[in-house]
Amino acid sequence: MADLPVQGRYHFTTDEVIEVTGASRAAVGAALRRLRRDGLLAMPFRGFHVVVPPEYRRLGCLPPAQFVPQLVTRLGLSYYVGLLSAAELLGAAHQKPQAFQVVVGLNRPPLTCGEVRVEFVGRSNVAEIPFLELNTPRGTVRISSPEGTAFDLVGYVHRCGGLDNVATVLRELVERLRARELARAARLSPAPWAQRLGFLLDAVGADALSGPLAAYVGRVAREYVPLDVGGRKSVRSRSQRWKLDINHDVEQEA
């Protein structure tokens, strides 16, 4: 196990160690516990271990982008890094997210590994969402495209710090967005997501991007929906362009 980094491996399972060494499960378990106690290994998921290099000992784990892809692959899950974590990797996070947000097919309990927290968000059509692949020191990580990220920020606003924070992040993401790709991505999400996203794009001064999206909303939106799902019920105004009941004054952070 100590030779794994030399071999370029930073991830392995308990079963792999048993198979390679021929030792009993009890003996392997005891050896792994000692290595974790000494800070040389971490176990973000039962039976799945990561080697912790010296530069990450204070973190108590590998950074999540360096082990989550390998973990979800072993679990047989389709995934992408999304929401605020994707925005951060795209250079658009206003503040560092408190958890590394990963979108999978179904909701799963969060993981904690040292100071690293991984939060899973369930989305049934996860495999259809456009994505990019970025290089990491331990391989590659899949993140949602800028347009996919924009829709997830609006669709999972309760996991993204609320509408004001989403508007602030969108303001920093607009340089990466393409108008036609936004309209294409809209087909993969509920119509109200497109309605709210279009309104917020206008609110952050990115109305040049929202034309094709507005045309899409005009075709598919059947009713007015609230801008803030969890907000006050009183409607202050209406947006005919986006078929929205405006029940929240969007305030972007400086």
Foldseek 3Di string as FASTA:
>chain_A
DVCQVVVLDFKDFLVVVCVVVVDDSVVSVVVVVVCLVVLQWWDQDHRMIGGQDPVCSQQQHPACQQPVVVVVVVVVWQKAFAALLLLVVVVQQPDDDCAGEMETQDFDDWTDGRSHIYGYDHDNVSVPFDWDWDADSNGIGIHGQLLSRLLVCQVVVVSHVHQQNSLQSVLRSLVRDAQVVNLVNCVVDDLLSLLLSQVSCVVSVNVVSCPSSLVSSVVPPDAEEENGPPADPDFPDADPSSSYRYRDDHDYDD
